[in-house]
């Protein structure tokens, strides 16, 4: 399955549009990550644990979107957009949404 943020694929012709597909995930960060991220805020640097959670959430959302497109008979998703939000009372949960248009390419 080909996933692209562009509306078309160079050298390929879209032969059928199946419609919008999406995948969503909500992942919580645990208290230990929060503590270490707070330390990083003070001393500076990247938070590897949060980056790992972010990548995992993105991968899950893209995989769910891809599976939905495959069930429709598509072999590609174009116009893919990723959206990141924090949710929950303290903003400790991360929501990632992936959406795009399922298509068949020749």
PDB file of N, CA and C in Angstrom:
ATOM      1  N   UNK A   1       0.857  -1.176   0.000  1.00  0.00           N
ATOM      2  CA  UNK A   1       0.000   0.000   0.000  1.00  0.00           C
ATOM      3  C   UNK A   1       0.897   1.232   0.000  1.00  0.00           C
ATOM      4  N   UNK A   2       0.630   2.139  -0.918  1.00  0.00           N
ATOM      5  CA  UNK A   2       1.380   3.375  -1.018  1.00  0.00           C
ATOM      6  C   UNK A   2       0.635   4.484  -0.274  1.00  0.00           C
ATOM      7  N   UNK A   3       1.333   5.175   0.620  1.00  0.00           N
ATOM      8  CA  UNK A   3       0.761   6.303   1.351  1.00  0.00           C
ATOM      9  C   UNK A   3       1.525   7.551   0.939  1.00  0.00           C
ATOM     10  N   UNK A   4       0.780   8.633   0.627  1.00  0.00           N
ATOM     11  CA  UNK A   4       1.439   9.859   0.193  1.00  0.00           C
ATOM     12  C   UNK A   4       0.689  11.078   0.700  1.00  0.00           C
ATOM     13  N   UNK A   5       1.446  12.104   1.055  1.00  0.00           N
ATOM     14  CA  UNK A   5       0.820  13.361   1.466  1.00  0.00           C
ATOM     15  C   UNK A   5       0.390  14.191   0.266  1.00  0.00           C
ATOM     16  N   UNK A   6       0.850  13.824  -0.918  1.00  0.00           N
ATOM     17  CA  UNK A   6       0.483  14.572  -2.125  1.00  0.00           C
ATOM     18  C   UNK A   6      -0.857  14.083  -2.672  1.00  0.00           C
ATOM     19  N   UNK A   7      -1.571  14.924  -3.443  1.00  0.00           N
ATOM     20  CA  UNK A   7      -2.871  14.518  -3.971  1.00  0.00           C
ATOM     21  C   UNK A   7      -2.799  13.563  -5.162  1.00  0.00           C
ATOM     22  N   UNK A   8      -1.627  13.452  -5.770  1.00  0.00           N
ATOM     23  CA  UNK A   8      -1.425  12.544  -6.895  1.00  0.00           C
ATOM     24  C   UNK A   8      -0.067  11.862  -6.719  1.00  0.00           C
ATOM     25  N   UNK A   9       0.152  10.812  -7.504  1.00  0.00           N
ATOM     26  CA  UNK A   9       1.423  10.090  -7.494  1.00  0.00           C
ATOM     27  C   UNK A   9       2.030  10.244  -8.883  1.00  0.00           C
ATOM     28  N   UNK A  10       3.210  10.820  -8.939  1.00  0.00           N
ATOM     29  CA  UNK A  10       3.862  11.050 -10.215  1.00  0.00           C
ATOM     30  C   UNK A  10       4.041   9.741 -10.980  1.00  0.00           C
ATOM     31  N   UNK A  11       3.631   9.752 -12.237  1.00  0.00           N
ATOM     32  CA  UNK A  11       3.776   8.577 -13.086  1.00  0.00           C
ATOM     33  C   UNK A  11       2.659   7.558 -12.939  1.00  0.00           C
ATOM     34  N   UNK A  12       1.722   7.805 -12.037  1.00  0.00           N
ATOM     35  CA  UNK A  12       0.601   6.884 -11.828  1.00  0.00           C
ATOM     36  C   UNK A  12      -0.704   7.629 -12.081  1.00  0.00           C
ATOM     37  N   UNK A  13      -1.688   6.886 -12.538  1.00  0.00           N
ATOM     38  CA  UNK A  13      -3.009   7.463 -12.766  1.00  0.00           C
ATOM     39  C   UNK A  13      -3.983   6.864 -11.776  1.00  0.00           C
ATOM     40  N   UNK A  14      -4.762   7.744 -11.130  1.00  0.00           N
ATOM     41  CA  UNK A  14      -5.798   7.267 -10.216  1.00  0.00           C
ATOM     42  C   UNK A  14      -6.977   6.782 -11.046  1.00  0.00           C
ATOM     43  N   UNK A  15      -7.354   5.535 -10.842  1.00  0.00           N
ATOM     44  CA  UNK A  15      -8.445   4.954 -11.630  1.00  0.00           C
ATOM     45  C   UNK A  15      -9.757   4.882 -10.850  1.00  0.00           C
ATOM     46  N   UNK A  16      -9.677   4.944  -9.515  1.00  0.00           N
ATOM     47  CA  UNK A  16     -10.895   4.888  -8.718  1.00  0.00           C
ATOM     48  C   UNK A  16     -10.662   5.553  -7.372  1.00  0.00           C
ATOM     49  N   UNK A  17     -11.671   6.313  -6.942  1.00  0.00           N
ATOM     50  CA  UNK A  17     -11.657   6.931  -5.618  1.00  0.00           C
ATOM     51  C   UNK A  17     -12.632   6.166  -4.727  1.00  0.00           C
ATOM     52  N   UNK A  18     -12.171   5.767  -3.551  1.00  0.00           N
ATOM     53  CA  UNK A  18     -13.022   5.030  -2.615  1.00  0.00           C
ATOM     54  C   UNK A  18     -13.581   5.923  -1.511  1.00  0.00           C
ATOM     55  N   UNK A  19     -12.946   7.048  -1.287  1.00  0.00           N
ATOM     56  CA  UNK A  19     -13.413   7.966  -0.256  1.00  0.00           C
ATOM     57  C   UNK A  19     -12.397   8.160   0.856  1.00  0.00           C
ATOM     58  N   UNK A  20     -12.806   8.897   1.842  1.00  0.00           N
ATOM     59  CA  UNK A  20     -11.933   9.235   2.961  1.00  0.00           C
ATOM     60  C   UNK A  20     -11.780   8.043   3.897  1.00  0.00           C
ATOM     61  N   UNK A  21     -10.543   7.813   4.302  1.00  0.00           N
ATOM     62  CA  UNK A  21     -10.232   6.786   5.300  1.00  0.00           C
ATOM     63  C   UNK A  21      -9.450   7.446   6.427  1.00  0.00           C
ATOM     64  N   UNK A  22      -9.532   6.855   7.608  1.00  0.00           N
ATOM     65  CA  UNK A  22      -8.818   7.445   8.741  1.00  0.00           C
ATOM     66  C   UNK A  22      -8.398   6.371   9.730  1.00  0.00           C
ATOM     67  N   UNK A  23      -7.473   6.750  10.559  1.00  0.00           N
ATOM     68  CA  UNK A  23      -7.027   5.912  11.663  1.00  0.00           C
ATOM     69  C   UNK A  23      -6.741   6.819  12.841  1.00  0.00           C
ATOM     70  N   UNK A  24      -7.112   6.379  14.010  1.00  0.00           N
ATOM     71  CA  UNK A  24      -6.932   7.186  15.205  1.00  0.00           C
ATOM     72  C   UNK A  24      -6.321   6.346  16.310  1.00  0.00           C
ATOM     73  N   UNK A  25      -5.566   6.997  17.154  1.00  0.00           N
ATOM     74  CA  UNK A  25      -5.052   6.334  18.343  1.00  0.00           C
ATOM     75  C   UNK A  25      -4.896   7.362  19.455  1.00  0.00           C
ATOM     76  N   UNK A  26      -5.114   6.904  20.659  1.00  0.00           N
ATOM     77  CA  UNK A  26      -4.874   7.727  21.844  1.00  0.00           C
ATOM     78  C   UNK A  26      -3.956   6.926  22.750  1.00  0.00           C
ATOM     79  N   UNK A  27      -2.825   7.520  23.071  1.00  0.00           N
ATOM     80  CA  UNK A  27      -1.822   6.845  23.891  1.00  0.00           C
ATOM     81  C   UNK A  27      -1.513   7.719  25.097  1.00  0.00           C
ATOM     82  N   UNK A  28      -1.434   7.085  26.243  1.00  0.00           N
ATOM     83  CA  UNK A  28      -1.094   7.804  27.461  1.00  0.00           C
ATOM     84  C   UNK A  28       0.388   7.721  27.742  1.00  0.00           C
ATOM     85  N   UNK A  29       0.910   8.795  28.299  1.00  0.00           N
ATOM     86  CA  UNK A  29       2.303   8.793  28.759  1.00  0.00           C
ATOM     87  C   UNK A  29       2.269   8.520  30.256  1.00  0.00           C
ATOM     88  N   UNK A  30       3.161   7.679  30.716  1.00  0.00           N
ATOM     89  CA  UNK A  30       3.115   7.326  32.142  1.00  0.00           C
ATOM     90  C   UNK A  30       3.831   8.355  33.010  1.00  0.00           C
ATOM     91  N   UNK A  31       3.675   8.221  34.297  1.00  0.00           N
ATOM     92  CA  UNK A  31       4.199   9.200  35.248  1.00  0.00           C
ATOM     93  C   UNK A  31       5.720   9.285  35.201  1.00  0.00           C
ATOM     94  N   UNK A  32       6.413   8.169  34.946  1.00  0.00           N
ATOM     95  CA  UNK A  32       7.871   8.203  34.887  1.00  0.00           C
ATOM     96  C   UNK A  32       8.364   9.022  33.701  1.00  0.00           C
ATOM     97  N   UNK A  33       7.675   8.901  32.562  1.00  0.00           N
ATOM     98  CA  UNK A  33       8.042   9.731  31.416  1.00  0.00           C
ATOM     99  C   UNK A  33       7.831  11.198  31.754  1.00  0.00           C
ATOM    100  N   UNK A  34       6.723  11.496  32.452  1.00  0.00           N
ATOM    101  CA  UNK A  34       6.447  12.882  32.837  1.00  0.00           C
ATOM    102  C   UNK A  34       7.549  13.438  33.722  1.00  0.00           C
ATOM    103  N   UNK A  35       8.025  12.648  34.670  1.00  0.00           N
ATOM    104  CA  UNK A  35       9.089  13.093  35.575  1.00  0.00           C
ATOM    105  C   UNK A  35      10.368  13.372  34.793  1.00  0.00           C
ATOM    106  N   UNK A  36      10.756  12.421  33.925  1.00  0.00           N
ATOM    107  CA  UNK A  36      11.983  12.615  33.161  1.00  0.00           C
ATOM    108  C   UNK A  36      11.846  13.754  32.150  1.00  0.00           C
ATOM    109  N   UNK A  37      10.656  13.941  31.585  1.00  0.00           N
ATOM    110  CA  UNK A  37      10.439  15.059  30.667  1.00  0.00           C
ATOM    111  C   UNK A  37      10.560  16.384  31.408  1.00  0.00           C
ATOM    112  N   UNK A  38      10.091  16.434  32.653  1.00  0.00           N
ATOM    113  CA  UNK A  38      10.223  17.656  33.457  1.00  0.00           C
ATOM    114  C   UNK A  38      11.692  17.981  33.694  1.00  0.00           C
ATOM    115  N   UNK A  39      12.491  16.966  33.950  1.00  0.00           N
ATOM    116  CA  UNK A  39      13.933  17.178  34.128  1.00  0.00           C
ATOM    117  C   UNK A  39      14.534  17.703  32.832  1.00  0.00           C
ATOM    118  N   UNK A  40      14.127  17.154  31.709  1.00  0.00           N
ATOM    119  CA  UNK A  40      14.617  17.619  30.405  1.00  0.00           C
ATOM    120  C   UNK A  40      14.247  19.080  30.177  1.00  0.00           C
ATOM    121  N   UNK A  41      13.038  19.470  30.612  1.00  0.00           N
ATOM    122  CA  UNK A  41      12.623  20.867  30.475  1.00  0.00           C
ATOM    123  C   UNK A  41      13.592  21.799  31.201  1.00  0.00           C
ATOM    124  N   UNK A  42      14.081  21.350  32.335  1.00  0.00           N
ATOM    125  CA  UNK A  42      14.980  22.180  33.151  1.00  0.00           C
ATOM    126  C   UNK A  42      16.379  22.212  32.561  1.00  0.00           C
ATOM    127  N   UNK A  43      16.924  21.047  32.215  1.00  0.00           N
ATOM    128  CA  UNK A  43      18.310  20.974  31.757  1.00  0.00           C
ATOM    129  C   UNK A  43      18.449  21.069  30.245  1.00  0.00           C
ATOM    130  N   UNK A  44      17.364  20.958  29.527  1.00  0.00           N
ATOM    131  CA  UNK A  44      17.407  21.029  28.074  1.00  0.00           C
ATOM    132  C   UNK A  44      17.625  19.676  27.441  1.00  0.00           C
ATOM    133  N   UNK A  45      17.410  19.602  26.150  1.00  0.00           N
ATOM    134  CA  UNK A  45      17.613  18.347  25.427  1.00  0.00           C
ATOM    135  C   UNK A  45      16.306  17.742  24.980  1.00  0.00           C
ATOM    136  N   UNK A  46      16.420  16.685  24.240  1.00  0.00           N
ATOM    137  CA  UNK A  46      15.255  15.998  23.683  1.00  0.00           C
ATOM    138  C   UNK A  46      14.756  14.952  24.654  1.00  0.00           C
ATOM    139  N   UNK A  47      13.446  14.692  24.582  1.00  0.00           N
ATOM    140  CA  UNK A  47      12.847  13.664  25.418  1.00  0.00           C
ATOM    141  C   UNK A  47      12.629  12.418  24.573  1.00  0.00           C
ATOM    142  N   UNK A  48      13.570  11.502  24.631  1.00  0.00           N
ATOM    143  CA  UNK A  48      13.504  10.281  23.830  1.00  0.00           C
ATOM    144  C   UNK A  48      12.283   9.442  24.132  1.00  0.00           C
ATOM    145  N   UNK A  49      11.852   9.410  25.399  1.00  0.00           N
ATOM    146  CA  UNK A  49      10.704   8.580  25.746  1.00  0.00           C
ATOM    147  C   UNK A  49       9.425   9.138  25.126  1.00  0.00           C
ATOM    148  N   UNK A  50       9.263  10.460  25.126  1.00  0.00           N
ATOM    149  CA  UNK A  50       8.080  11.049  24.497  1.00  0.00           C
ATOM    150  C   UNK A  50       8.143  10.893  22.976  1.00  0.00           C
ATOM    151  N   UNK A  51       9.336  11.027  22.407  1.00  0.00           N
ATOM    152  CA  UNK A  51       9.475  10.847  20.967  1.00  0.00           C
ATOM    153  C   UNK A  51       9.092   9.428  20.559  1.00  0.00           C
ATOM    154  N   UNK A  52       9.460   8.463  21.375  1.00  0.00           N
ATOM    155  CA  UNK A  52       9.108   7.064  21.100  1.00  0.00           C
ATOM    156  C   UNK A  52       7.593   6.872  21.128  1.00  0.00           C
ATOM    157  N   UNK A  53       6.928   7.450  22.128  1.00  0.00           N
ATOM    158  CA  UNK A  53       5.470   7.352  22.227  1.00  0.00           C
ATOM    159  C   UNK A  53       4.813   8.031  21.033  1.00  0.00           C
ATOM    160  N   UNK A  54       5.336   9.165  20.626  1.00  0.00           N
ATOM    161  CA  UNK A  54       4.794   9.891  19.484  1.00  0.00           C
ATOM    162  C   UNK A  54       4.912   9.065  18.202  1.00  0.00           C
ATOM    163  N   UNK A  55       6.082   8.453  17.982  1.00  0.00           N
ATOM    164  CA  UNK A  55       6.270   7.596  16.791  1.00  0.00           C
ATOM    165  C   UNK A  55       5.326   6.398  16.819  1.00  0.00           C
ATOM    166  N   UNK A  56       5.184   5.788  17.987  1.00  0.00           N
ATOM    167  CA  UNK A  56       4.291   4.631  18.113  1.00  0.00           C
ATOM    168  C   UNK A  56       2.848   5.016  17.780  1.00  0.00           C
ATOM    169  N   UNK A  57       2.395   6.144  18.300  1.00  0.00           N
ATOM    170  CA  UNK A  57       1.024   6.603  18.034  1.00  0.00           C
ATOM    171  C   UNK A  57       0.829   6.892  16.550  1.00  0.00           C
ATOM    172  N   UNK A  58       1.804   7.528  15.918  1.00  0.00           N
ATOM    173  CA  UNK A  58       1.718   7.824  14.483  1.00  0.00           C
ATOM    174  C   UNK A  58       1.648   6.543  13.672  1.00  0.00           C
ATOM    175  N   UNK A  59       2.502   5.579  13.998  1.00  0.00           N
ATOM    176  CA  UNK A  59       2.524   4.310  13.265  1.00  0.00           C
ATOM    177  C   UNK A  59       1.192   3.569  13.383  1.00  0.00           C
ATOM    178  N   UNK A  60       0.607   3.575  14.565  1.00  0.00           N
ATOM    179  CA  UNK A  60      -0.686   2.904  14.768  1.00  0.00           C
ATOM    180  C   UNK A  60      -1.769   3.580  13.943  1.00  0.00           C
ATOM    181  N   UNK A  61      -1.825   4.908  13.975  1.00  0.00           N
ATOM    182  CA  UNK A  61      -2.847   5.637  13.219  1.00  0.00           C
ATOM    183  C   UNK A  61      -2.702   5.390  11.723  1.00  0.00           C
ATOM    184  N   UNK A  62      -1.478   5.415  11.209  1.00  0.00           N
ATOM    185  CA  UNK A  62      -1.258   5.159   9.783  1.00  0.00           C
ATOM    186  C   UNK A  62      -1.632   3.726   9.411  1.00  0.00           C
ATOM    187  N   UNK A  63      -1.282   2.774  10.272  1.00  0.00           N
ATOM    188  CA  UNK A  63      -1.608   1.371  10.012  1.00  0.00           C
ATOM    189  C   UNK A  63      -3.114   1.162   9.966  1.00  0.00           C
ATOM    190  N   UNK A  64      -3.857   1.768  10.906  1.00  0.00           N
ATOM    191  CA  UNK A  64      -5.319   1.644  10.900  1.00  0.00           C
ATOM    192  C   UNK A  64      -5.925   2.251   9.640  1.00  0.00           C
ATOM    193  N   UNK A  65      -5.397   3.402   9.206  1.00  0.00           N
ATOM    194  CA  UNK A  65      -5.893   4.041   7.985  1.00  0.00           C
ATOM    195  C   UNK A  65      -5.621   3.147   6.772  1.00  0.00           C
ATOM    196  N   UNK A  66      -4.421   2.593   6.718  1.00  0.00           N
ATOM    197  CA  UNK A  66      -4.033   1.701   5.623  1.00  0.00           C
ATOM    198  C   UNK A  66      -4.927   0.460   5.582  1.00  0.00           C
ATOM    199  N   UNK A  67      -5.215  -0.128   6.745  1.00  0.00           N
ATOM    200  CA  UNK A  67      -6.075  -1.312   6.799  1.00  0.00           C
ATOM    201  C   UNK A  67      -7.483  -0.991   6.325  1.00  0.00           C
ATOM    202  N   UNK A  68      -8.007   0.170   6.693  1.00  0.00           N
ATOM    203  CA  UNK A  68      -9.338   0.561   6.243  1.00  0.00           C
ATOM    204  C   UNK A  68      -9.355   0.722   4.723  1.00  0.00           C
ATOM    205  N   UNK A  69      -8.316   1.331   4.155  1.00  0.00           N
ATOM    206  CA  UNK A  69      -8.235   1.496   2.704  1.00  0.00           C
ATOM    207  C   UNK A  69      -8.161   0.149   2.001  1.00  0.00           C
ATOM    208  N   UNK A  70      -7.387  -0.779   2.538  1.00  0.00           N
ATOM    209  CA  UNK A  70      -7.262  -2.114   1.940  1.00  0.00           C
ATOM    210  C   UNK A  70      -8.602  -2.846   1.945  1.00  0.00           C
ATOM    211  N   UNK A  71      -9.368  -2.712   3.036  1.00  0.00           N
ATOM    212  CA  UNK A  71     -10.691  -3.360   3.092  1.00  0.00           C
ATOM    213  C   UNK A  71     -11.625  -2.830   1.998  1.00  0.00           C
ATOM    214  N   UNK A  72     -11.410  -1.588   1.579  1.00  0.00           N
ATOM    215  CA  UNK A  72     -12.234  -1.009   0.507  1.00  0.00           C
ATOM    216  C   UNK A  72     -11.769  -1.458  -0.876  1.00  0.00           C
ATOM    217  N   UNK A  73     -10.563  -2.028  -0.966  1.00  0.00           N
ATOM    218  CA  UNK A  73     -10.014  -2.463  -2.244  1.00  0.00           C
ATOM    219  C   UNK A  73      -8.984  -1.503  -2.817  1.00  0.00           C
ATOM    220  N   UNK A  74      -8.590  -0.494  -2.067  1.00  0.00           N
ATOM    221  CA  UNK A  74      -7.621   0.493  -2.541  1.00  0.00           C
ATOM    222  C   UNK A  74      -6.206  -0.068  -2.480  1.00  0.00           C
ATOM    223  N   UNK A  75      -5.331   0.495  -3.314  1.00  0.00           N
ATOM    224  CA  UNK A  75      -3.919   0.127  -3.236  1.00  0.00           C
ATOM    225  C   UNK A  75      -3.039   1.330  -2.884  1.00  0.00           C
ATOM    226  N   UNK A  76      -3.694   2.465  -2.568  1.00  0.00           N
ATOM    227  CA  UNK A  76      -2.953   3.662  -2.162  1.00  0.00           C
ATOM    228  C   UNK A  76      -3.873   4.598  -1.388  1.00  0.00           C
ATOM    229  N   UNK A  77      -3.251   5.482  -0.614  1.00  0.00           N
ATOM    230  CA  UNK A  77      -3.972   6.554   0.057  1.00  0.00           C
ATOM    231  C   UNK A  77      -3.220   7.840  -0.256  1.00  0.00           C
ATOM    232  N   UNK A  78      -3.916   8.807  -0.848  1.00  0.00           N
ATOM    233  CA  UNK A  78      -3.292  10.084  -1.198  1.00  0.00           C
ATOM    234  C   UNK A  78      -3.843  11.185  -0.298  1.00  0.00           C
ATOM    235  N   UNK A  79      -3.128  12.294  -0.265  1.00  0.00           N
ATOM    236  CA  UNK A  79      -3.552  13.426   0.547  1.00  0.00           C
ATOM    237  C   UNK A  79      -3.522  13.134   2.035  1.00  0.00           C
ATOM    238  N   UNK A  80      -2.593  12.298   2.478  1.00  0.00           N
ATOM    239  CA  UNK A  80      -2.524  11.905   3.888  1.00  0.00           C
ATOM    240  C   UNK A  80      -2.182  13.113   4.751  1.00  0.00           C
ATOM    241  N   UNK A  81      -2.934  13.267   5.832  1.00  0.00           N
ATOM    242  CA  UNK A  81      -2.711  14.344   6.789  1.00  0.00           C
ATOM    243  C   UNK A  81      -2.639  13.738   8.182  1.00  0.00           C
ATOM    244  N   UNK A  82      -1.665  14.178   8.962  1.00  0.00           N
ATOM    245  CA  UNK A  82      -1.520  13.730  10.346  1.00  0.00           C
ATOM    246  C   UNK A  82      -1.848  14.894  11.268  1.00  0.00           C
ATOM    247  N   UNK A  83      -2.617  14.602  12.314  1.00  0.00           N
ATOM    248  CA  UNK A  83      -2.990  15.622  13.284  1.00  0.00           C
ATOM    249  C   UNK A  83      -2.639  15.107  14.670  1.00  0.00           C
ATOM    250  N   UNK A  84      -2.006  15.942  15.472  1.00  0.00           N
ATOM    251  CA  UNK A  84      -1.582  15.583  16.831  1.00  0.00           C
ATOM    252  C   UNK A  84      -2.277  16.504  17.825  1.00  0.00           C
ATOM    253  N   UNK A  85      -2.848  15.939  18.875  1.00  0.00           N
ATOM    254  CA  UNK A  85      -3.513  16.712  19.928  1.00  0.00           C
ATOM    255  C   UNK A  85      -3.229  16.064  21.278  1.00  0.00           C
ATOM    256  N   UNK A  86      -3.236  16.863  22.322  1.00  0.00           N
ATOM    257  CA  UNK A  86      -3.211  16.313  23.663  1.00  0.00           C
ATOM    258  C   UNK A  86      -4.632  16.323  24.189  1.00  0.00           C
ATOM    259  N   UNK A  87      -4.995  15.279  24.899  1.00  0.00           N
ATOM    260  CA  UNK A  87      -6.343  15.154  25.452  1.00  0.00           C
ATOM    261  C   UNK A  87      -6.246  14.692  26.899  1.00  0.00           C
ATOM    262  N   UNK A  88      -7.360  14.717  27.571  1.00  0.00           N
ATOM    263  CA  UNK A  88      -7.399  14.308  28.975  1.00  0.00           C
ATOM    264  C   UNK A  88      -7.328  15.521  29.877  1.00  0.00           C
ATOM    265  N   UNK A  89      -7.699  15.313  31.113  1.00  0.00           N
ATOM    266  CA  UNK A  89      -7.751  16.400  32.079  1.00  0.00           C
ATOM    267  C   UNK A  89      -6.440  17.137  32.242  1.00  0.00           C
ATOM    268  N   UNK A  90      -5.347  16.433  32.279  1.00  0.00           N
ATOM    269  CA  UNK A  90      -4.043  17.075  32.464  1.00  0.00           C
ATOM    270  C   UNK A  90      -3.243  17.125  31.169  1.00  0.00           C
ATOM    271  N   UNK A  91      -3.874  16.747  30.055  1.00  0.00           N
ATOM    272  CA  UNK A  91      -3.166  16.734  28.776  1.00  0.00           C
ATOM    273  C   UNK A  91      -2.119  15.650  28.694  1.00  0.00           C
ATOM    274  N   UNK A  92      -2.291  14.589  29.485  1.00  0.00           N
ATOM    275  CA  UNK A  92      -1.281  13.532  29.534  1.00  0.00           C
ATOM    276  C   UNK A  92      -1.504  12.447  28.486  1.00  0.00           C
ATOM    277  N   UNK A  93      -2.545  12.564  27.707  1.00  0.00           N
ATOM    278  CA  UNK A  93      -2.813  11.585  26.644  1.00  0.00           C
ATOM    279  C   UNK A  93      -2.544  12.256  25.301  1.00  0.00           C
ATOM    280  N   UNK A  94      -2.004  11.494  24.376  1.00  0.00           N
ATOM    281  CA  UNK A  94      -1.706  11.992  23.046  1.00  0.00           C
ATOM    282  C   UNK A  94      -2.634  11.318  22.047  1.00  0.00           C
ATOM    283  N   UNK A  95      -3.315  12.128  21.238  1.00  0.00           N
ATOM    284  CA  UNK A  95      -4.181  11.602  20.192  1.00  0.00           C
ATOM    285  C   UNK A  95      -3.551  11.930  18.839  1.00  0.00           C
ATOM    286  N   UNK A  96      -3.433  10.910  17.999  1.00  0.00           N
ATOM    287  CA  UNK A  96      -2.924  11.091  16.650  1.00  0.00           C
ATOM    288  C   UNK A  96      -3.984  10.581  15.681  1.00  0.00           C
ATOM    289  N   UNK A  97      -4.303  11.409  14.698  1.00  0.00           N
ATOM    290  CA  UNK A  97      -5.277  11.043  13.672  1.00  0.00           C
ATOM    291  C   UNK A  97      -4.601  11.126  12.316  1.00  0.00           C
ATOM    292  N   UNK A  98      -4.777  10.094  11.509  1.00  0.00           N
ATOM    293  CA  UNK A  98      -4.291  10.089  10.130  1.00  0.00           C
ATOM    294  C   UNK A  98      -5.507   9.956   9.222  1.00  0.00           C
ATOM    295  N   UNK A  99      -5.580  10.785   8.188  1.00  0.00           N
ATOM    296  CA  UNK A  99      -6.686  10.646   7.238  1.00  0.00           C
ATOM    297  C   UNK A  99      -6.193  10.951   5.843  1.00  0.00           C
ATOM    298  N   UNK A 100      -6.893  10.424   4.871  1.00  0.00           N
ATOM    299  CA  UNK A 100      -6.539  10.623   3.471  1.00  0.00           C
ATOM    300  C   UNK A 100      -7.627  10.042   2.585  1.00  0.00           C
ATOM    301  N   UNK A 101      -7.377  10.020   1.289  1.00  0.00           N
ATOM    302  CA  UNK A 101      -8.331   9.499   0.316  1.00  0.00           C
ATOM    303  C   UNK A 101      -7.818   8.169  -0.229  1.00  0.00           C
ATOM    304  N   UNK A 102      -8.623   7.132  -0.059  1.00  0.00           N
ATOM    305  CA  UNK A 102      -8.283   5.800  -0.566  1.00  0.00           C
ATOM    306  C   UNK A 102      -8.534   5.780  -2.070  1.00  0.00           C
ATOM    307  N   UNK A 103      -7.547   5.282  -2.825  1.00  0.00           N
ATOM    308  CA  UNK A 103      -7.642   5.247  -4.289  1.00  0.00           C
ATOM    309  C   UNK A 103      -7.058   3.953  -4.826  1.00  0.00           C
ATOM    310  N   UNK A 104      -7.362   3.700  -6.102  1.00  0.00           N
ATOM    311  CA  UNK A 104      -6.679   2.645  -6.840  1.00  0.00           C
ATOM    312  C   UNK A 104      -5.814   3.318  -7.887  1.00  0.00           C
ATOM    313  N   UNK A 105      -4.586   2.885  -7.961  1.00  0.00           N
ATOM    314  CA  UNK A 105      -3.643   3.403  -8.972  1.00  0.00           C
ATOM    315  C   UNK A 105      -3.450   2.346 -10.041  1.00  0.00           C
ATOM    316  N   UNK A 106      -3.253   2.786 -11.269  1.00  0.00           N
ATOM    317  CA  UNK A 106      -2.980   1.812 -12.337  1.00  0.00           C
ATOM    318  C   UNK A 106      -1.551   1.354 -12.300  1.00  0.00           C
TER     319      UNK A 106
END
